Amino acid sequence: MASKADSSNFAQAEKRRDTDHESFLAHKRMRWLKISAVLCLIVVISYFLVDVEPRHNGGTWYGYTLGTIGALLIAWLSVLGIRKRNISEGKWSLKAWTSAHVYLGLALIVIGTMHTGFQLGWNVHTLAWALMMLVIVSGIYGISVYAALPRALSNNMREMTRKQMVEGLAALDRQLDSAAQPLDRMEADAVINATQQDAFRAGLLARLTGSYPRCATKRALKAFPDGALNKHEEKVASLLRKRKSQLGQIRRHMRYKALLEVWLFIHIPATIALLAALTAHIVSVFYYW
């Protein structure tokens, strides 16, 4: 008969397993979504109840209050990049921190905008607000792709590693080099151009769109139209079709990876720019106070 200690350990293991499979968006029954929603509700209600003269803007006592809350939130949430290097369990695990980062980051849309009192212009104050919105929008994109693309990436790999996909392509190239020996010069050159083209040499636009108009393998296939092909040409055409399929798998892998990572090239620099603009905003406010 199992002891109470064994039952307790089993229950803890089950709870830990459920937590491991829980999305950071649903962490602790969406605790941080609820906290952020309550915070936004308080800000919106107070915005319409508080009477300030001559009108709401960042320079009123209410505007300073929201500005202080927003600035502290921005500084705190910016620490996530450092926090990622120190993963731990418990109350402030990486999952809990990320959940707070997402939902409190979204709450900044309300806090930051109410802080401005909708008084926007061509100045450093509006620049800080605009950069904050850029950081939030890029973060929303990041959440979206991380929710959808990992499964597509896994399905595309078909239980193959990146190394195995590359090795498969290299094996096809060796077969093509051998099969192309009996071909005439024009056909052989088309095959050589295809096998010598670097599958991983592509610009950012090609990686993001998955479009490769200069694909040498596609051009090589045009040299072997269906119909009057001898047995050597038919073998090469079959290998080229396999190469095209393998290239498609590799390029889809590259596209999904690019879509997963490209937002960071906006999110991180924009966050750094936001911190700089926020500092300038705060310094200028105190300077002219």
Protein backbone atom coordinates (compact mmCIF):
# COMPACT_ATOMS: atom_id res chain seq x y z
CA MET A 1 0.00 0.00 0.00
CA ALA A 2 1.39 3.40 -0.98
CA SER A 3 2.39 5.69 1.86
CA LYS A 4 1.13 9.25 2.30
CA ALA A 5 4.57 10.51 1.34
CA ASP A 6 4.43 8.58 -1.96
CA SER A 7 0.95 9.95 -2.67
CA SER A 8 2.13 13.47 -1.90
CA ASN A 9 5.18 13.10 -4.18
CA PHE A 10 2.98 11.74 -6.98
CA ALA A 11 0.55 14.66 -6.62
CA GLN A 12 3.42 17.15 -6.71
CA ALA A 13 4.88 15.47 -9.79
CA GLU A 14 1.50 15.63 -11.56
CA LYS A 15 1.11 19.29 -10.62
CA ARG A 16 4.60 20.06 -11.91
CA ARG A 17 3.87 18.23 -15.17
CA ASP A 18 0.65 20.20 -15.69
CA THR A 19 2.55 23.43 -15.00
CA ASP A 20 5.25 22.50 -17.51
CA HIS A 21 2.64 22.09 -20.25
CA GLU A 22 0.78 25.27 -19.28
CA SER A 23 1.19 28.22 -21.62
CA PHE A 24 2.74 31.37 -20.17
CA LEU A 25 -0.40 33.17 -21.38
CA ALA A 26 -2.57 30.96 -19.14
CA HIS A 27 -0.11 30.85 -16.24
CA LYS A 28 -1.82 30.51 -12.84
CA ARG A 29 -5.27 30.74 -14.42
CA MET A 30 -4.35 33.95 -16.22
CA ARG A 31 -3.41 35.72 -13.00
CA TRP A 32 -1.54 38.52 -14.74
CA LEU A 33 -4.30 39.09 -17.28
CA LYS A 34 -6.72 39.66 -14.39
CA ILE A 35 -4.28 41.96 -12.58
CA SER A 36 -3.67 43.97 -15.76
CA ALA A 37 -7.40 44.18 -16.54
CA VAL A 38 -8.14 45.52 -13.04
CA LEU A 39 -5.28 48.02 -13.35
CA CYS A 40 -6.57 49.27 -16.71
CA LEU A 41 -10.13 49.52 -15.36
CA ILE A 42 -8.94 51.63 -12.40
CA VAL A 43 -6.98 53.93 -14.73
CA VAL A 44 -9.89 54.40 -17.17
CA ILE A 45 -12.46 55.05 -14.44
CA SER A 46 -10.19 57.43 -12.55
CA TYR A 47 -9.35 59.27 -15.78
CA PHE A 48 -13.00 60.25 -16.23
CA LEU A 49 -13.71 60.85 -12.54
CA VAL A 50 -10.66 62.99 -11.71
CA ASP A 51 -11.15 66.67 -12.51
CA VAL A 52 -7.92 68.43 -13.48
CA GLU A 53 -7.43 71.91 -14.85
CA PRO A 54 -7.33 72.98 -17.58
CA ARG A 55 -7.55 69.43 -19.01
CA HIS A 56 -5.86 66.05 -18.79
CA ASN A 57 -2.19 66.03 -19.81
CA GLY A 58 1.12 64.66 -18.59
CA GLY A 59 1.85 67.80 -16.58
CA THR A 60 -1.00 67.45 -14.05
CA TRP A 61 -0.69 65.63 -10.72
CA TYR A 62 -2.75 62.80 -12.23
CA GLY A 63 -0.52 62.75 -15.32
CA TYR A 64 2.59 62.56 -13.12
CA THR A 65 1.05 59.66 -11.20
CA LEU A 66 0.33 57.65 -14.34
CA GLY A 67 3.72 58.63 -15.78
CA THR A 68 5.51 57.33 -12.70
CA ILE A 69 3.58 54.05 -12.81
CA GLY A 70 4.27 53.68 -16.53
CA ALA A 71 7.98 54.49 -16.23
CA LEU A 72 8.44 52.00 -13.38
CA LEU A 73 6.59 49.32 -15.37
CA ILE A 74 8.73 49.92 -18.46
CA ALA A 75 11.95 49.68 -16.46
CA TRP A 76 10.77 46.56 -14.64
CA LEU A 77 9.54 44.76 -17.77
CA SER A 78 12.78 45.56 -19.61
CA VAL A 79 14.59 43.28 -17.18
CA LEU A 80 13.07 40.19 -18.87
CA GLY A 81 16.07 39.92 -21.22
CA ILE A 82 18.32 39.59 -18.17
CA ARG A 83 15.87 37.33 -16.36
CA LYS A 84 15.96 34.81 -19.22
CA ARG A 85 19.53 33.94 -18.23
CA ASN A 86 18.45 32.95 -14.73
CA ILE A 87 15.64 30.42 -15.09
CA SER A 88 14.23 29.17 -11.79
CA GLU A 89 11.14 27.48 -10.41
CA GLY A 90 8.63 28.85 -7.98
CA LYS A 91 6.73 32.10 -7.67
CA TRP A 92 8.96 34.00 -10.10
CA SER A 93 9.78 31.35 -12.66
CA LEU A 94 10.55 32.39 -16.22
CA LYS A 95 6.98 31.46 -17.17
CA ALA A 96 5.52 33.70 -14.45
CA TRP A 97 7.84 36.54 -15.42
CA THR A 98 6.96 36.22 -19.12
CA SER A 99 3.24 36.17 -18.35
CA ALA A 100 3.59 39.36 -16.30
CA HIS A 101 5.72 40.89 -19.06
CA VAL A 102 3.05 40.27 -21.69
CA TYR A 103 -0.04 41.38 -19.81
CA LEU A 104 1.47 44.35 -17.97
CA GLY A 105 3.09 45.37 -21.25
CA LEU A 106 -0.35 45.47 -22.85
CA ALA A 107 -1.65 47.47 -19.89
CA LEU A 108 0.91 50.15 -20.77
CA ILE A 109 -1.21 51.01 -23.83
CA VAL A 110 -3.89 52.34 -21.48
CA ILE A 111 -1.55 53.76 -18.81
CA GLY A 112 0.79 55.48 -21.28
CA THR A 113 -2.00 56.92 -23.43
CA MET A 114 -4.00 58.18 -20.44
CA HIS A 115 -0.79 59.72 -19.11
CA THR A 116 -0.51 61.87 -22.25
CA GLY A 117 -4.13 63.00 -21.94
CA PHE A 118 -4.20 62.51 -25.72
CA GLN A 119 -1.98 65.61 -26.02
CA LEU A 120 0.47 64.44 -28.69
CA GLY A 121 2.84 66.51 -30.78
CA TRP A 122 6.29 66.67 -32.37
CA ASN A 123 8.38 66.40 -29.21
CA VAL A 124 10.42 63.96 -27.12
CA HIS A 125 7.37 63.17 -24.98
CA THR A 126 5.39 61.89 -27.95
CA LEU A 127 8.50 60.10 -29.21
CA ALA A 128 8.65 58.13 -25.96
CA TRP A 129 4.96 57.22 -26.33
CA ALA A 130 5.40 56.22 -29.99
CA LEU A 131 8.42 54.02 -29.17
CA MET A 132 6.46 52.40 -26.37
CA MET A 133 3.67 51.55 -28.82
CA LEU A 134 6.22 50.15 -31.30
CA VAL A 135 7.68 47.92 -28.60
CA ILE A 136 4.19 46.71 -27.65
CA VAL A 137 3.10 46.05 -31.25
CA SER A 138 6.31 44.12 -32.00
CA GLY A 139 5.73 42.15 -28.80
CA ILE A 140 2.19 41.27 -29.91
CA TYR A 141 3.65 39.97 -33.17
CA GLY A 142 6.18 37.92 -31.19
CA ILE A 143 3.43 36.35 -29.08
CA SER A 144 1.42 35.51 -32.20
CA VAL A 145 4.25 33.76 -34.03
CA TYR A 146 5.38 31.86 -30.94
CA ALA A 147 1.82 30.59 -30.52
CA ALA A 148 1.48 29.41 -34.12
CA LEU A 149 4.85 28.69 -35.73
CA PRO A 150 6.61 26.15 -33.44
CA ARG A 151 4.05 23.47 -34.39
CA ALA A 152 4.43 24.31 -38.10
CA LEU A 153 8.21 24.17 -37.68
CA SER A 154 7.98 20.77 -36.01
CA ASN A 155 5.61 19.39 -38.67
CA ASN A 156 7.87 20.60 -41.47
CA MET A 157 10.92 18.86 -39.97
CA ARG A 158 9.08 15.49 -39.94
CA GLU A 159 11.21 14.19 -37.07
CA MET A 160 14.38 15.24 -38.90
CA THR A 161 17.04 17.51 -37.48
CA ARG A 162 18.47 20.42 -39.46
CA LYS A 163 21.69 18.40 -39.85
CA GLN A 164 19.78 15.46 -41.33
CA MET A 165 18.02 17.72 -43.83
CA VAL A 166 21.37 19.14 -44.96
CA GLU A 167 22.91 15.67 -45.18
CA GLY A 168 19.94 14.49 -47.26
CA LEU A 169 20.48 17.35 -49.69
CA ALA A 170 24.22 16.59 -49.90
CA ALA A 171 23.45 12.93 -50.66
CA LEU A 172 21.14 13.98 -53.52
CA ASP A 173 23.86 16.27 -54.89
CA ARG A 174 26.35 13.39 -54.97
CA GLN A 175 23.84 11.27 -56.87
CA LEU A 176 23.20 14.11 -59.30
CA ASP A 177 26.92 14.60 -59.95
CA SER A 178 27.21 10.94 -60.86
CA ALA A 179 23.98 10.75 -62.89
CA ALA A 180 24.87 13.89 -64.89
CA GLN A 181 28.03 12.38 -66.38
CA PRO A 182 26.37 10.99 -69.58
CA LEU A 183 24.45 14.22 -70.27
CA ASP A 184 25.30 16.80 -72.91
CA ARG A 185 27.11 20.00 -71.94
CA MET A 186 24.04 22.24 -71.56
CA GLU A 187 22.15 19.76 -69.39
CA ALA A 188 25.24 18.97 -67.30
CA ASP A 189 25.88 22.68 -66.69
CA ALA A 190 22.30 23.15 -65.52
CA VAL A 191 22.74 20.32 -62.99
CA ILE A 192 26.12 21.66 -61.82
CA ASN A 193 24.63 25.13 -61.26
CA ALA A 194 21.84 23.57 -59.22
CA THR A 195 24.12 21.51 -56.97
CA GLN A 196 26.57 24.37 -56.45
CA GLN A 197 23.95 26.88 -55.32
CA ASP A 198 24.14 27.38 -51.54
CA ALA A 199 20.76 26.44 -50.07
CA PHE A 200 21.31 28.71 -47.07
CA ARG A 201 22.52 31.78 -48.92
CA ALA A 202 19.45 33.97 -49.08
CA GLY A 203 18.47 37.52 -48.20
CA LEU A 204 16.09 38.44 -45.41
CA LEU A 205 13.20 39.04 -47.81
CA ALA A 206 13.62 35.60 -49.40
CA ARG A 207 13.76 33.94 -45.98
CA LEU A 208 10.65 35.73 -44.76
CA THR A 209 8.56 35.17 -47.91
CA GLY A 210 9.92 31.77 -48.93
CA SER A 211 10.20 33.06 -52.51
CA TYR A 212 13.36 32.14 -54.46
CA PRO A 213 12.92 33.34 -58.08
CA ARG A 214 16.60 32.58 -58.86
CA CYS A 215 16.44 28.97 -57.72
CA ALA A 216 18.95 27.07 -59.89
CA THR A 217 17.18 23.75 -59.26
CA LYS A 218 13.95 25.09 -60.77
CA ARG A 219 15.89 26.36 -63.79
CA ALA A 220 17.64 23.01 -64.16
CA LEU A 221 14.31 21.17 -64.22
CA LYS A 222 13.27 23.26 -67.24
CA ALA A 223 16.12 21.61 -69.16
CA PHE A 224 14.38 18.25 -68.65
CA PRO A 225 10.78 18.70 -69.85
CA ASP A 226 8.44 15.75 -69.53
CA GLY A 227 8.20 13.74 -72.71
CA ALA A 228 11.17 12.83 -74.88
CA LEU A 229 13.69 11.95 -72.16
CA ASN A 230 16.11 9.06 -72.32
CA LYS A 231 16.78 6.93 -69.24
CA HIS A 232 19.75 9.06 -68.11
CA GLU A 233 17.80 12.29 -68.42
CA GLU A 234 14.79 10.75 -66.66
CA LYS A 235 16.98 9.70 -63.72
CA VAL A 236 18.46 13.20 -63.43
CA ALA A 237 15.01 14.81 -63.68
CA SER A 238 13.76 12.52 -60.88
CA LEU A 239 16.72 13.46 -58.67
CA LEU A 240 16.18 17.15 -59.40
CA ARG A 241 12.53 16.85 -58.35
CA LYS A 242 13.68 15.23 -55.10
CA ARG A 243 16.22 18.02 -54.64
CA LYS A 244 13.50 20.63 -55.20
CA SER A 245 11.35 18.94 -52.55
CA GLN A 246 14.26 18.78 -50.11
CA LEU A 247 15.06 22.44 -50.77
CA GLY A 248 11.43 23.29 -50.11
CA GLN A 249 11.62 21.65 -46.70
CA ILE A 250 14.86 23.45 -45.83
CA ARG A 251 13.53 26.81 -47.01
CA ARG A 252 10.31 26.40 -45.05
CA HIS A 253 12.46 25.68 -42.01
CA MET A 254 14.47 28.86 -42.69
CA ARG A 255 11.26 30.86 -43.20
CA TYR A 256 9.67 29.73 -39.94
CA LYS A 257 12.89 30.43 -38.05
CA ALA A 258 13.15 33.89 -39.63
CA LEU A 259 9.53 34.70 -38.78
CA LEU A 260 10.18 33.58 -35.20
CA GLU A 261 13.29 35.71 -34.83
CA VAL A 262 12.77 38.82 -36.98
CA TRP A 263 10.55 40.57 -34.42
CA LEU A 264 13.45 40.63 -31.96
CA PHE A 265 15.41 42.82 -34.39
CA ILE A 266 12.67 45.41 -33.88
CA HIS A 267 11.61 44.71 -30.30
CA ILE A 268 15.04 44.87 -28.64
CA PRO A 269 16.43 47.99 -30.42
CA ALA A 270 13.06 49.71 -29.96
CA THR A 271 13.18 48.89 -26.24
CA ILE A 272 16.65 50.42 -25.93
CA ALA A 273 15.49 53.51 -27.85
CA LEU A 274 12.41 53.69 -25.61
CA LEU A 275 14.53 53.67 -22.45
CA ALA A 276 16.68 56.47 -23.90
CA ALA A 277 13.63 58.54 -24.95
CA LEU A 278 11.96 57.89 -21.60
CA THR A 279 15.07 59.15 -19.79
CA ALA A 280 15.10 62.29 -21.95
CA HIS A 281 11.37 62.73 -21.32
CA ILE A 282 11.77 62.50 -17.53
CA VAL A 283 14.86 64.76 -17.43
CA SER A 284 13.15 67.44 -19.55
CA VAL A 285 10.02 67.31 -17.36
CA PHE A 286 12.04 67.90 -14.17
CA TYR A 287 14.19 70.50 -15.87
CA TYR A 288 11.20 72.64 -16.81
CA TRP A 289 9.21 71.88 -13.66
